[in-house]
N, C-alpha and C. Protein backbone atom coordinates (compact mmCIF):
# COMPACT_ATOMS: atom_id res chain seq x y z
N ALA A 1 -21.89 -52.96 23.30
CA ALA A 1 -22.70 -52.33 22.31
C ALA A 1 -22.22 -50.91 22.08
N PHE A 2 -21.12 -50.85 21.41
CA PHE A 2 -20.59 -49.54 21.03
C PHE A 2 -20.86 -49.32 19.56
N ASP A 3 -21.31 -48.13 19.24
CA ASP A 3 -21.48 -47.76 17.84
C ASP A 3 -20.16 -47.20 17.31
N LYS A 4 -19.84 -47.56 16.11
CA LYS A 4 -18.62 -47.02 15.51
C LYS A 4 -18.91 -45.60 15.02
N ILE A 5 -18.02 -44.70 15.36
CA ILE A 5 -18.16 -43.32 14.90
C ILE A 5 -17.20 -43.13 13.74
N LYS A 6 -17.77 -42.70 12.65
CA LYS A 6 -16.95 -42.47 11.47
C LYS A 6 -16.41 -41.05 11.53
N THR A 7 -15.13 -40.92 11.33
CA THR A 7 -14.51 -39.59 11.27
C THR A 7 -13.81 -39.45 9.93
N ALA A 8 -13.87 -38.24 9.43
CA ALA A 8 -13.22 -37.97 8.14
C ALA A 8 -11.71 -37.92 8.35
N THR A 9 -10.99 -38.51 7.44
CA THR A 9 -9.54 -38.44 7.48
C THR A 9 -9.12 -37.05 6.99
N PRO A 10 -8.32 -36.33 7.78
CA PRO A 10 -7.87 -35.02 7.33
C PRO A 10 -7.12 -35.15 6.00
N ASN A 11 -7.51 -34.33 5.07
CA ASN A 11 -6.94 -34.41 3.72
C ASN A 11 -6.67 -32.99 3.21
N PRO A 12 -5.44 -32.49 3.39
CA PRO A 12 -5.14 -31.15 2.88
C PRO A 12 -5.03 -31.15 1.36
N ALA A 13 -5.31 -30.02 0.75
CA ALA A 13 -5.16 -29.84 -0.70
C ALA A 13 -4.80 -28.38 -0.93
N LEU A 14 -4.00 -28.11 -1.96
CA LEU A 14 -3.58 -26.74 -2.24
C LEU A 14 -4.10 -26.26 -3.59
N SER A 15 -4.41 -24.97 -3.65
CA SER A 15 -4.66 -24.30 -4.93
C SER A 15 -3.74 -23.09 -4.96
N ILE A 16 -3.41 -22.64 -6.17
CA ILE A 16 -2.50 -21.51 -6.33
C ILE A 16 -3.01 -20.60 -7.46
N THR A 17 -2.90 -19.31 -7.25
CA THR A 17 -3.17 -18.35 -8.32
C THR A 17 -1.98 -17.41 -8.41
N LYS A 18 -1.65 -17.05 -9.63
CA LYS A 18 -0.49 -16.18 -9.88
C LYS A 18 -0.96 -14.99 -10.70
N HIS A 19 -0.64 -13.78 -10.26
CA HIS A 19 -0.98 -12.55 -10.98
C HIS A 19 0.25 -11.67 -11.06
N VAL A 20 0.15 -10.66 -11.89
CA VAL A 20 1.24 -9.69 -12.06
C VAL A 20 0.62 -8.32 -12.26
N ARG A 21 1.35 -7.29 -11.84
CA ARG A 21 0.95 -5.92 -12.13
C ARG A 21 2.17 -5.10 -12.44
N ASN A 22 2.00 -4.07 -13.27
CA ASN A 22 3.09 -3.20 -13.65
C ASN A 22 3.09 -2.00 -12.71
N LEU A 23 4.09 -1.93 -11.84
CA LEU A 23 4.19 -0.83 -10.88
C LEU A 23 4.52 0.48 -11.58
N THR A 24 5.34 0.42 -12.63
CA THR A 24 5.71 1.63 -13.36
C THR A 24 4.49 2.29 -13.99
N LYS A 25 3.60 1.46 -14.53
CA LYS A 25 2.39 1.99 -15.19
C LYS A 25 1.19 2.03 -14.25
N ASN A 26 1.39 1.63 -12.99
CA ASN A 26 0.33 1.62 -11.98
C ASN A 26 -0.89 0.82 -12.44
N SER A 27 -0.64 -0.37 -13.01
CA SER A 27 -1.73 -1.22 -13.48
C SER A 27 -2.27 -2.06 -12.33
N GLY A 28 -3.47 -2.61 -12.52
CA GLY A 28 -4.03 -3.53 -11.55
C GLY A 28 -3.49 -4.93 -11.76
N GLU A 29 -3.78 -5.81 -10.80
CA GLU A 29 -3.35 -7.21 -10.91
C GLU A 29 -4.13 -7.93 -12.00
N GLY A 30 -3.45 -8.83 -12.71
CA GLY A 30 -4.11 -9.64 -13.71
C GLY A 30 -3.23 -10.80 -14.12
N LYS A 31 -3.74 -11.64 -14.99
CA LYS A 31 -2.95 -12.77 -15.50
C LYS A 31 -1.90 -12.32 -16.49
N THR A 32 -2.10 -11.13 -17.08
CA THR A 32 -1.17 -10.58 -18.07
C THR A 32 -1.03 -9.08 -17.82
N THR A 33 0.18 -8.56 -18.03
CA THR A 33 0.39 -7.12 -18.00
C THR A 33 1.29 -6.74 -19.16
N SER A 34 1.15 -5.51 -19.60
CA SER A 34 2.04 -5.00 -20.65
C SER A 34 3.18 -4.24 -19.99
N SER A 35 4.31 -4.21 -20.68
CA SER A 35 5.51 -3.64 -20.10
C SER A 35 6.44 -3.14 -21.18
N ASN A 36 7.35 -2.27 -20.76
CA ASN A 36 8.48 -1.85 -21.57
C ASN A 36 9.75 -2.24 -20.84
N PRO A 37 10.87 -2.32 -21.53
CA PRO A 37 12.13 -2.59 -20.82
C PRO A 37 12.32 -1.60 -19.67
N SER A 38 12.87 -2.07 -18.56
CA SER A 38 13.15 -1.31 -17.33
C SER A 38 11.95 -1.10 -16.43
N ASP A 39 10.74 -1.48 -16.84
CA ASP A 39 9.57 -1.32 -15.97
C ASP A 39 9.72 -2.19 -14.73
N MET A 40 9.11 -1.74 -13.63
CA MET A 40 9.08 -2.49 -12.38
C MET A 40 7.75 -3.24 -12.30
N LEU A 41 7.81 -4.53 -11.96
CA LEU A 41 6.64 -5.39 -11.86
C LEU A 41 6.49 -5.91 -10.44
N GLU A 42 5.27 -6.30 -10.09
CA GLU A 42 5.04 -7.02 -8.85
C GLU A 42 4.27 -8.29 -9.17
N PHE A 43 4.82 -9.43 -8.75
CA PHE A 43 4.14 -10.71 -8.91
C PHE A 43 3.44 -11.05 -7.59
N VAL A 44 2.24 -11.64 -7.70
CA VAL A 44 1.43 -11.97 -6.53
C VAL A 44 1.02 -13.44 -6.65
N ILE A 45 1.39 -14.22 -5.64
CA ILE A 45 1.04 -15.64 -5.59
C ILE A 45 0.15 -15.84 -4.37
N ARG A 46 -1.02 -16.43 -4.59
CA ARG A 46 -1.91 -16.75 -3.48
C ARG A 46 -2.05 -18.27 -3.40
N VAL A 47 -1.71 -18.82 -2.24
CA VAL A 47 -1.79 -20.26 -2.01
C VAL A 47 -2.86 -20.50 -0.96
N THR A 48 -3.83 -21.38 -1.27
CA THR A 48 -4.94 -21.65 -0.37
C THR A 48 -5.01 -23.14 -0.09
N ASN A 49 -5.27 -23.48 1.18
CA ASN A 49 -5.53 -24.86 1.54
C ASN A 49 -7.02 -25.10 1.34
N THR A 50 -7.36 -25.84 0.29
CA THR A 50 -8.77 -26.12 -0.04
C THR A 50 -9.25 -27.45 0.57
N GLY A 51 -8.38 -28.10 1.32
CA GLY A 51 -8.75 -29.39 1.92
C GLY A 51 -9.33 -29.24 3.31
N ASN A 52 -9.47 -30.39 4.01
CA ASN A 52 -10.06 -30.39 5.35
C ASN A 52 -9.04 -30.73 6.44
N GLY A 53 -7.76 -30.76 6.07
CA GLY A 53 -6.69 -30.99 7.05
C GLY A 53 -5.59 -29.97 6.85
N ASN A 54 -4.72 -29.84 7.83
CA ASN A 54 -3.63 -28.87 7.76
C ASN A 54 -2.65 -29.23 6.65
N ALA A 55 -2.22 -28.23 5.89
CA ALA A 55 -1.16 -28.40 4.89
C ALA A 55 0.15 -28.00 5.57
N VAL A 56 0.89 -29.00 6.04
CA VAL A 56 2.09 -28.78 6.84
C VAL A 56 3.29 -28.53 5.93
N ASN A 57 4.15 -27.59 6.35
CA ASN A 57 5.36 -27.23 5.59
C ASN A 57 5.01 -26.83 4.15
N THR A 58 4.20 -25.84 4.00
CA THR A 58 3.82 -25.36 2.68
C THR A 58 4.98 -24.58 2.08
N ILE A 59 5.47 -25.06 0.95
CA ILE A 59 6.64 -24.50 0.28
C ILE A 59 6.20 -23.81 -1.00
N VAL A 60 6.68 -22.57 -1.21
CA VAL A 60 6.33 -21.79 -2.40
C VAL A 60 7.62 -21.40 -3.11
N SER A 61 7.62 -21.52 -4.44
CA SER A 61 8.79 -21.13 -5.24
C SER A 61 8.31 -20.49 -6.54
N ASP A 62 9.23 -19.83 -7.20
CA ASP A 62 8.92 -19.13 -8.45
C ASP A 62 10.12 -19.24 -9.36
N VAL A 63 9.88 -19.58 -10.61
CA VAL A 63 10.96 -19.67 -11.58
C VAL A 63 10.93 -18.39 -12.41
N LEU A 64 11.81 -17.45 -12.06
CA LEU A 64 11.83 -16.16 -12.73
C LEU A 64 12.61 -16.27 -14.04
N PRO A 65 11.97 -15.93 -15.17
CA PRO A 65 12.67 -15.98 -16.46
C PRO A 65 13.89 -15.06 -16.48
N SER A 66 14.83 -15.37 -17.35
CA SER A 66 16.13 -14.68 -17.33
C SER A 66 16.06 -13.19 -17.59
N ARG A 67 15.06 -12.69 -18.29
CA ARG A 67 15.02 -11.24 -18.56
C ARG A 67 14.13 -10.48 -17.58
N LEU A 68 13.81 -11.15 -16.46
CA LEU A 68 13.18 -10.49 -15.33
C LEU A 68 14.15 -10.58 -14.17
N ILE A 69 14.43 -9.46 -13.54
CA ILE A 69 15.48 -9.37 -12.51
C ILE A 69 14.82 -9.16 -11.15
N TYR A 70 15.02 -10.12 -10.25
CA TYR A 70 14.45 -10.05 -8.90
C TYR A 70 14.98 -8.82 -8.16
N VAL A 71 14.09 -8.11 -7.46
CA VAL A 71 14.48 -6.96 -6.64
C VAL A 71 14.74 -7.47 -5.23
N ILE A 72 15.99 -7.41 -4.81
CA ILE A 72 16.40 -7.93 -3.51
C ILE A 72 15.63 -7.23 -2.40
N GLY A 73 15.14 -8.03 -1.45
CA GLY A 73 14.43 -7.51 -0.30
C GLY A 73 12.96 -7.21 -0.54
N SER A 74 12.42 -7.64 -1.67
CA SER A 74 11.04 -7.27 -2.01
C SER A 74 9.99 -8.31 -1.64
N THR A 75 10.39 -9.50 -1.20
CA THR A 75 9.41 -10.56 -0.94
C THR A 75 8.70 -10.34 0.40
N THR A 76 7.36 -10.45 0.35
CA THR A 76 6.55 -10.40 1.57
C THR A 76 5.59 -11.58 1.58
N VAL A 77 5.23 -12.02 2.78
CA VAL A 77 4.18 -13.02 2.98
C VAL A 77 3.13 -12.36 3.87
N ASP A 78 1.93 -12.20 3.35
CA ASP A 78 0.85 -11.50 4.06
C ASP A 78 1.31 -10.14 4.58
N GLY A 79 2.09 -9.43 3.75
CA GLY A 79 2.52 -8.08 4.08
C GLY A 79 3.74 -7.96 4.97
N VAL A 80 4.32 -9.07 5.37
CA VAL A 80 5.50 -9.07 6.24
C VAL A 80 6.71 -9.52 5.45
N GLY A 81 7.81 -8.76 5.51
CA GLY A 81 9.03 -9.11 4.78
C GLY A 81 9.55 -10.48 5.18
N THR A 82 10.11 -11.18 4.19
CA THR A 82 10.67 -12.50 4.44
C THR A 82 11.94 -12.66 3.61
N ASN A 83 12.58 -13.82 3.70
CA ASN A 83 13.85 -14.03 2.98
C ASN A 83 13.65 -13.97 1.48
N ASP A 84 14.76 -13.83 0.77
CA ASP A 84 14.74 -13.66 -0.69
C ASP A 84 14.80 -14.98 -1.46
N GLY A 85 14.44 -16.10 -0.88
CA GLY A 85 14.58 -17.39 -1.55
C GLY A 85 13.53 -17.72 -2.58
N ILE A 86 12.51 -16.91 -2.75
CA ILE A 86 11.38 -17.25 -3.62
C ILE A 86 11.81 -17.60 -5.04
N THR A 87 12.82 -16.91 -5.60
CA THR A 87 13.18 -17.14 -7.00
C THR A 87 14.44 -17.98 -7.18
N ASN A 88 15.22 -18.20 -6.13
CA ASN A 88 16.43 -19.00 -6.32
C ASN A 88 16.38 -20.33 -5.59
N SER A 89 15.39 -20.54 -4.74
CA SER A 89 15.16 -21.85 -4.13
C SER A 89 13.68 -21.94 -3.79
N ASP A 90 13.30 -21.59 -2.55
CA ASP A 90 11.89 -21.58 -2.16
C ASP A 90 11.76 -20.90 -0.81
N ILE A 91 10.52 -20.66 -0.39
CA ILE A 91 10.26 -20.18 0.96
C ILE A 91 9.20 -21.06 1.59
N ASN A 92 9.30 -21.25 2.91
CA ASN A 92 8.34 -22.05 3.67
C ASN A 92 7.36 -21.09 4.33
N VAL A 93 6.09 -21.18 3.96
CA VAL A 93 5.07 -20.31 4.56
C VAL A 93 4.35 -21.04 5.70
N ASN A 94 4.96 -22.12 6.16
CA ASN A 94 4.51 -22.88 7.33
C ASN A 94 3.22 -23.64 7.05
N THR A 95 2.45 -23.88 8.10
CA THR A 95 1.23 -24.69 7.99
C THR A 95 0.04 -23.82 7.60
N LEU A 96 -0.71 -24.28 6.61
CA LEU A 96 -1.96 -23.62 6.23
C LEU A 96 -3.12 -24.47 6.75
N ALA A 97 -3.97 -23.87 7.57
CA ALA A 97 -5.17 -24.53 8.06
C ALA A 97 -6.18 -24.62 6.92
N PRO A 98 -7.19 -25.45 7.03
CA PRO A 98 -8.22 -25.51 5.98
C PRO A 98 -8.80 -24.11 5.71
N ASN A 99 -8.94 -23.79 4.43
CA ASN A 99 -9.47 -22.50 3.95
C ASN A 99 -8.56 -21.30 4.21
N GLN A 100 -7.36 -21.53 4.67
CA GLN A 100 -6.42 -20.42 4.90
C GLN A 100 -5.66 -20.11 3.62
N THR A 101 -5.43 -18.82 3.37
CA THR A 101 -4.68 -18.36 2.20
C THR A 101 -3.48 -17.56 2.64
N LYS A 102 -2.35 -17.78 2.00
CA LYS A 102 -1.15 -16.95 2.17
C LYS A 102 -0.92 -16.21 0.87
N THR A 103 -0.59 -14.92 0.98
CA THR A 103 -0.33 -14.09 -0.19
C THR A 103 1.14 -13.71 -0.20
N ILE A 104 1.83 -14.11 -1.25
CA ILE A 104 3.27 -13.83 -1.42
C ILE A 104 3.41 -12.81 -2.53
N ARG A 105 4.15 -11.75 -2.26
CA ARG A 105 4.40 -10.71 -3.26
C ARG A 105 5.91 -10.50 -3.38
N PHE A 106 6.35 -10.25 -4.60
CA PHE A 106 7.74 -9.85 -4.81
C PHE A 106 7.82 -9.03 -6.08
N GLN A 107 8.90 -8.27 -6.20
CA GLN A 107 9.08 -7.38 -7.34
C GLN A 107 10.21 -7.87 -8.24
N ALA A 108 10.08 -7.50 -9.51
CA ALA A 108 11.11 -7.79 -10.51
C ALA A 108 11.14 -6.63 -11.49
N GLN A 109 12.33 -6.40 -12.04
CA GLN A 109 12.48 -5.37 -13.06
C GLN A 109 12.68 -6.04 -14.42
N VAL A 110 12.04 -5.48 -15.44
CA VAL A 110 12.21 -5.99 -16.79
C VAL A 110 13.59 -5.54 -17.28
N ALA A 111 14.36 -6.45 -17.84
CA ALA A 111 15.71 -6.14 -18.33
C ALA A 111 15.64 -5.20 -19.53
N GLU A 112 16.79 -4.69 -19.92
CA GLU A 112 16.91 -3.79 -21.08
C GLU A 112 17.10 -4.55 -22.39
N ASN A 113 17.63 -5.77 -22.33
CA ASN A 113 18.12 -6.48 -23.52
C ASN A 113 17.01 -7.14 -24.34
N PHE A 114 16.17 -6.30 -24.94
CA PHE A 114 15.13 -6.77 -25.85
C PHE A 114 15.35 -6.13 -27.20
N SER A 115 15.06 -6.87 -28.25
CA SER A 115 15.09 -6.31 -29.59
C SER A 115 13.78 -5.54 -29.81
N VAL A 116 13.79 -4.69 -30.81
CA VAL A 116 12.58 -3.95 -31.15
C VAL A 116 11.48 -4.95 -31.51
N GLY A 117 10.31 -4.78 -30.92
CA GLY A 117 9.18 -5.68 -31.16
C GLY A 117 8.50 -6.04 -29.86
N THR A 118 7.70 -7.10 -29.88
CA THR A 118 6.93 -7.53 -28.71
C THR A 118 7.23 -8.99 -28.41
N VAL A 119 7.45 -9.27 -27.13
CA VAL A 119 7.76 -10.62 -26.65
C VAL A 119 6.90 -10.89 -25.42
N THR A 120 6.35 -12.09 -25.30
CA THR A 120 5.60 -12.47 -24.10
C THR A 120 6.47 -13.41 -23.26
N ILE A 121 6.60 -13.06 -21.99
CA ILE A 121 7.38 -13.86 -21.04
C ILE A 121 6.39 -14.48 -20.05
N THR A 122 6.52 -15.79 -19.84
CA THR A 122 5.65 -16.49 -18.90
C THR A 122 6.43 -16.81 -17.64
N ASN A 123 5.84 -16.47 -16.49
CA ASN A 123 6.46 -16.69 -15.19
C ASN A 123 5.60 -17.67 -14.39
N TYR A 124 6.23 -18.72 -13.87
CA TYR A 124 5.51 -19.77 -13.14
C TYR A 124 5.78 -19.71 -11.65
N GLY A 125 4.73 -19.97 -10.87
CA GLY A 125 4.85 -20.12 -9.43
C GLY A 125 4.39 -21.51 -9.04
N TYR A 126 4.96 -22.06 -7.95
CA TYR A 126 4.67 -23.43 -7.52
C TYR A 126 4.45 -23.48 -6.01
N ALA A 127 3.66 -24.44 -5.57
CA ALA A 127 3.47 -24.68 -4.14
C ALA A 127 3.25 -26.17 -3.91
N HIS A 128 3.75 -26.66 -2.78
CA HIS A 128 3.48 -28.03 -2.34
C HIS A 128 3.62 -28.07 -0.81
N ALA A 129 3.18 -29.13 -0.21
CA ALA A 129 3.30 -29.30 1.24
C ALA A 129 3.52 -30.78 1.52
N ASP A 130 3.81 -31.09 2.80
CA ASP A 130 3.93 -32.50 3.18
C ASP A 130 2.64 -33.21 2.79
N THR A 131 2.73 -34.29 2.12
CA THR A 131 1.62 -35.14 1.64
C THR A 131 0.70 -34.43 0.63
N VAL A 132 1.11 -33.28 0.11
CA VAL A 132 0.30 -32.57 -0.89
C VAL A 132 1.15 -32.37 -2.14
N SER A 133 0.65 -32.82 -3.27
CA SER A 133 1.38 -32.70 -4.53
C SER A 133 1.53 -31.24 -4.95
N GLN A 134 2.52 -31.02 -5.80
CA GLN A 134 2.80 -29.67 -6.29
C GLN A 134 1.68 -29.16 -7.19
N VAL A 135 1.36 -27.87 -7.02
CA VAL A 135 0.42 -27.17 -7.90
C VAL A 135 1.17 -25.97 -8.49
N SER A 136 0.70 -25.49 -9.64
CA SER A 136 1.38 -24.36 -10.27
C SER A 136 0.38 -23.47 -11.00
N ASP A 137 0.81 -22.25 -11.24
CA ASP A 137 0.04 -21.31 -12.04
C ASP A 137 1.05 -20.35 -12.66
N SER A 138 0.60 -19.58 -13.65
CA SER A 138 1.52 -18.68 -14.34
C SER A 138 0.86 -17.33 -14.59
N ALA A 139 1.71 -16.35 -14.86
CA ALA A 139 1.29 -15.01 -15.28
C ALA A 139 2.20 -14.59 -16.41
N ASN A 140 1.70 -13.74 -17.30
CA ASN A 140 2.45 -13.32 -18.49
C ASN A 140 2.77 -11.84 -18.46
N VAL A 141 3.95 -11.53 -18.98
CA VAL A 141 4.38 -10.14 -19.16
C VAL A 141 4.63 -9.96 -20.65
N THR A 142 3.90 -9.05 -21.27
CA THR A 142 4.08 -8.74 -22.69
C THR A 142 4.97 -7.50 -22.78
N VAL A 143 6.21 -7.71 -23.23
CA VAL A 143 7.20 -6.63 -23.28
C VAL A 143 7.28 -6.08 -24.69
N THR A 144 7.12 -4.77 -24.81
CA THR A 144 7.21 -4.11 -26.11
C THR A 144 8.35 -3.11 -26.07
N LYS A 145 9.26 -3.26 -27.04
CA LYS A 145 10.34 -2.28 -27.19
C LYS A 145 10.14 -1.59 -28.53
N ASN A 146 9.91 -0.30 -28.47
CA ASN A 146 9.70 0.49 -29.67
C ASN A 146 11.02 0.97 -30.23
N ALA A 147 11.06 1.16 -31.53
CA ALA A 147 12.26 1.73 -32.15
C ALA A 147 12.39 3.17 -31.67
N PRO A 148 13.60 3.59 -31.33
CA PRO A 148 13.76 4.97 -30.90
C PRO A 148 13.45 5.93 -32.05
N ALA A 149 12.93 7.07 -31.71
CA ALA A 149 12.57 8.07 -32.72
C ALA A 149 13.81 8.87 -33.13
N LEU A 150 13.84 9.23 -34.38
CA LEU A 150 14.91 10.08 -34.90
C LEU A 150 14.61 11.51 -34.47
N VAL A 151 15.58 12.14 -33.85
CA VAL A 151 15.40 13.50 -33.35
C VAL A 151 16.33 14.43 -34.10
N CYS A 152 15.76 15.43 -34.72
CA CYS A 152 16.55 16.44 -35.42
C CYS A 152 16.64 17.68 -34.54
N SER A 153 17.84 18.24 -34.46
CA SER A 153 18.02 19.42 -33.63
C SER A 153 18.95 20.40 -34.34
N PRO A 154 18.62 21.66 -34.41
CA PRO A 154 17.34 22.23 -33.99
C PRO A 154 16.25 21.86 -34.99
N VAL A 155 15.01 21.95 -34.55
CA VAL A 155 13.89 21.58 -35.40
C VAL A 155 13.75 22.60 -36.53
N ASP A 156 13.86 23.87 -36.22
CA ASP A 156 13.76 24.94 -37.22
C ASP A 156 14.96 25.87 -37.05
N GLN A 157 15.45 26.35 -38.14
CA GLN A 157 16.45 27.41 -38.07
C GLN A 157 16.37 28.26 -39.33
N ASP A 158 16.59 29.53 -39.16
CA ASP A 158 16.58 30.47 -40.28
C ASP A 158 18.02 30.86 -40.59
N VAL A 159 18.35 30.86 -41.86
CA VAL A 159 19.68 31.28 -42.29
C VAL A 159 19.52 32.25 -43.45
N VAL A 160 20.54 33.02 -43.66
CA VAL A 160 20.54 33.95 -44.79
C VAL A 160 21.48 33.40 -45.85
N VAL A 161 21.48 34.00 -47.02
CA VAL A 161 22.31 33.56 -48.14
C VAL A 161 23.77 33.52 -47.69
N ASN A 162 24.46 32.46 -48.12
CA ASN A 162 25.87 32.20 -47.83
C ASN A 162 26.15 31.92 -46.35
N GLN A 163 25.13 31.64 -45.58
CA GLN A 163 25.33 31.25 -44.19
C GLN A 163 25.13 29.74 -44.09
N TYR A 164 25.98 29.07 -43.34
CA TYR A 164 25.85 27.63 -43.18
C TYR A 164 24.73 27.30 -42.19
N ALA A 165 24.05 26.21 -42.45
CA ALA A 165 23.04 25.69 -41.52
C ALA A 165 23.51 24.32 -41.07
N ASN A 166 23.46 24.06 -39.79
CA ASN A 166 23.86 22.78 -39.23
C ASN A 166 22.72 22.19 -38.43
N PHE A 167 22.57 20.88 -38.53
CA PHE A 167 21.62 20.18 -37.67
C PHE A 167 22.13 18.76 -37.51
N SER A 168 21.61 18.10 -36.51
CA SER A 168 21.98 16.71 -36.29
C SER A 168 20.71 15.89 -36.17
N ALA A 169 20.81 14.64 -36.55
CA ALA A 169 19.70 13.70 -36.43
C ALA A 169 20.24 12.49 -35.67
N THR A 170 19.72 12.27 -34.46
CA THR A 170 20.26 11.23 -33.59
C THR A 170 19.13 10.45 -32.93
N GLY A 171 19.51 9.37 -32.29
CA GLY A 171 18.60 8.67 -31.40
C GLY A 171 17.80 7.55 -32.01
N GLY A 172 17.96 7.25 -33.26
CA GLY A 172 17.16 6.17 -33.77
C GLY A 172 17.29 5.99 -35.26
N THR A 173 16.30 5.37 -35.81
CA THR A 173 16.27 5.14 -37.24
C THR A 173 15.09 5.91 -37.81
N GLY A 174 15.18 6.25 -39.04
CA GLY A 174 14.12 6.99 -39.68
C GLY A 174 14.68 7.81 -40.82
N THR A 175 13.92 8.74 -41.28
CA THR A 175 14.37 9.59 -42.36
C THR A 175 14.25 11.04 -41.93
N TYR A 176 14.97 11.89 -42.63
CA TYR A 176 14.87 13.32 -42.40
C TYR A 176 14.86 14.00 -43.76
N SER A 177 14.38 15.20 -43.76
CA SER A 177 14.42 16.00 -44.99
C SER A 177 14.60 17.46 -44.61
N TRP A 178 15.11 18.21 -45.54
CA TRP A 178 15.27 19.64 -45.31
C TRP A 178 14.94 20.38 -46.60
N SER A 179 14.65 21.62 -46.43
CA SER A 179 14.39 22.43 -47.60
C SER A 179 15.00 23.81 -47.39
N ALA A 180 15.41 24.40 -48.48
CA ALA A 180 16.00 25.74 -48.47
C ALA A 180 15.44 26.50 -49.66
N PRO A 181 14.25 27.08 -49.49
CA PRO A 181 13.65 27.80 -50.60
C PRO A 181 14.61 28.87 -51.14
N GLY A 182 14.83 28.85 -52.44
CA GLY A 182 15.73 29.81 -53.06
C GLY A 182 17.19 29.42 -52.95
N GLY A 183 17.49 28.27 -52.31
CA GLY A 183 18.88 27.85 -52.15
C GLY A 183 19.32 26.95 -53.28
N ASN A 184 20.56 26.51 -53.20
CA ASN A 184 21.09 25.61 -54.21
C ASN A 184 21.92 24.56 -53.48
N PRO A 185 21.45 23.38 -53.26
CA PRO A 185 20.18 22.81 -53.70
C PRO A 185 19.03 23.34 -52.83
N THR A 186 17.83 23.08 -53.26
CA THR A 186 16.68 23.59 -52.53
C THR A 186 16.12 22.57 -51.51
N THR A 187 16.44 21.28 -51.68
CA THR A 187 15.95 20.26 -50.75
C THR A 187 17.00 19.17 -50.57
N GLY A 188 16.81 18.35 -49.56
CA GLY A 188 17.67 17.21 -49.31
C GLY A 188 16.98 16.26 -48.36
N SER A 189 17.51 15.05 -48.28
CA SER A 189 16.93 14.07 -47.35
C SER A 189 18.00 13.03 -47.03
N GLY A 190 17.69 12.18 -46.08
CA GLY A 190 18.62 11.13 -45.70
C GLY A 190 17.97 10.17 -44.74
N VAL A 191 18.79 9.27 -44.20
CA VAL A 191 18.33 8.32 -43.21
C VAL A 191 19.24 8.45 -42.01
N ASN A 192 18.96 7.61 -41.00
CA ASN A 192 19.71 7.70 -39.74
C ASN A 192 21.21 7.92 -39.98
N PHE A 193 21.73 8.90 -39.29
CA PHE A 193 23.15 9.19 -39.41
C PHE A 193 23.67 9.76 -38.11
């Protein structure tokens, strides 16, 4: 007369969240950040075992888009430096017990090669473990490249009759104008030169 004792079968499950922050602009973490070319970013991936069994061999990877450049030596797991495999293969964060979370951080620099305008780049992170299917999440970087401003130098200059005035306009596109009250001609204008 033995009673059967029912036991739950251990069943690990993973969840993942992906955030980004702009280190150059000292922004907080979020699903989206704004950026300019050359800004430094930090991506944050949090992987949690939401199941009731151990998630063995938990593997985390990230597919870094081509215009984001991984900063060598920047990957940490729970604040401890680890190998640089997060963006070119994967990293093993070992076994996650039920309700345990691992936080992976790494840095990337926004490339220079953007046209004038705004582009949104989506970055994906992934996690899986033995007997646990892959999960993923993403974060967005909105990159804005402004047209360079036209700079005239010197801004002001005084000249007397029959004296030459020189200035340059560099650094971008735009228009310029000048005036010479009492001169011949008295005004002029142009575009980037």
